[in-house]
Protein backbone atom coordinates (compact mmCIF):
# COMPACT_ATOMS: atom_id res chain seq x y z
CA MET A 1 -34.74 3.97 -1.10
CA LEU A 2 -35.24 2.47 2.30
CA ARG A 3 -38.62 1.08 1.37
CA ALA A 4 -37.09 -0.80 -1.57
CA ILE A 5 -34.58 -2.37 0.79
CA ARG A 6 -37.34 -3.18 3.28
CA PHE A 7 -39.41 -4.95 0.63
CA ALA A 8 -36.36 -6.95 -0.46
CA CYS A 9 -35.76 -8.00 3.16
CA SER A 10 -39.35 -9.06 3.67
CA THR A 11 -39.99 -10.79 0.33
CA GLY A 12 -36.55 -12.00 -0.75
CA PHE A 13 -36.96 -10.43 -4.18
CA ASP A 14 -33.74 -9.18 -5.69
CA ILE A 15 -33.45 -5.45 -6.36
CA ASP A 16 -32.64 -4.44 -9.93
CA ASP A 17 -29.02 -3.35 -10.42
CA GLU A 18 -30.06 0.06 -11.73
CA ILE A 19 -32.08 0.69 -8.57
CA ILE A 20 -29.12 -0.35 -6.42
CA ARG A 21 -26.87 2.06 -8.34
CA SER A 22 -29.43 4.83 -7.87
CA ILE A 23 -29.60 4.15 -4.14
CA GLN A 24 -25.81 4.25 -3.96
CA ARG A 25 -25.66 7.56 -5.82
CA LYS A 26 -28.44 9.22 -3.81
CA SER A 27 -27.86 7.63 -0.40
CA SER A 28 -26.97 10.95 1.28
CA LEU A 29 -30.55 12.15 0.66
CA ILE A 30 -31.79 9.73 3.34
CA LEU A 31 -30.73 12.31 5.91
CA TYR A 32 -33.73 14.41 4.85
CA VAL A 33 -36.12 11.67 6.00
CA SER A 34 -37.42 11.84 9.56
CA GLY A 35 -35.79 9.61 12.12
CA GLU A 36 -39.17 8.11 13.00
CA ARG A 37 -39.74 7.01 9.40
CA ILE A 38 -36.23 5.56 9.13
CA LYS A 39 -36.80 3.62 12.36
CA GLN A 40 -40.12 2.21 11.14
CA GLU A 41 -38.62 1.03 7.85
CA MET A 42 -35.49 -0.38 9.52
CA ASP A 43 -37.58 -2.25 12.10
CA LYS A 44 -39.57 -3.89 9.32
CA ALA A 45 -36.44 -4.69 7.30
CA LEU A 46 -34.66 -6.23 10.29
CA MET A 47 -37.69 -8.38 11.09
CA GLY A 48 -37.79 -9.79 7.54
CA ASP A 49 -36.80 -13.32 6.64
CA TYR A 50 -34.20 -12.07 4.15
CA VAL A 51 -32.31 -9.56 6.27
CA TYR A 52 -29.10 -10.43 4.40
CA MET A 53 -30.47 -8.24 1.59
CA LEU A 54 -29.41 -5.24 3.70
CA LYS A 55 -25.88 -5.88 2.47
CA LYS A 56 -26.90 -4.50 -0.94
CA SER A 57 -27.72 -1.16 0.67
CA MET A 58 -24.38 -0.49 2.35
CA PRO A 59 -24.03 3.16 1.23
CA LEU A 60 -27.52 3.87 2.52
CA LEU A 61 -26.86 2.10 5.82
CA HIS A 62 -23.59 3.95 6.20
CA GLU A 63 -25.48 7.25 6.00
CA ILE A 64 -28.02 6.17 8.61
CA PHE A 65 -25.81 4.13 10.96
CA PRO A 66 -22.10 4.63 10.23
CA GLN A 67 -21.18 2.22 13.04
CA PHE A 68 -23.59 -0.48 11.76
CA ALA A 69 -21.82 -0.87 8.42
CA ARG A 70 -18.81 -2.47 10.12
CA CYS A 71 -20.93 -5.48 11.10
CA PHE A 72 -20.94 -6.75 7.52
CA SER A 73 -17.15 -6.90 7.32
CA THR A 74 -16.77 -8.63 10.70
CA ALA A 75 -16.68 -12.41 10.73
CA GLN A 76 -19.82 -13.77 12.38
CA ASN A 77 -19.77 -16.93 14.41
CA ASN A 78 -23.35 -18.14 14.13
């Protein structure tokens, strides 16, 4: 799940709606993945040119970083 998001962030390719729905349904399973692996994938996703694609993975992000999800609903002044 996280790798799909990472590839979307690095390439800009859109993720198929069925895959997004699957990630949303199974997002709680990410807690079975080691913290080191999650960190590696998140580092790569956050370094991508299309980091806005993370917004599509909100249920998954909420499982990993509950406090991080609030950033997407906060107005950004950039």
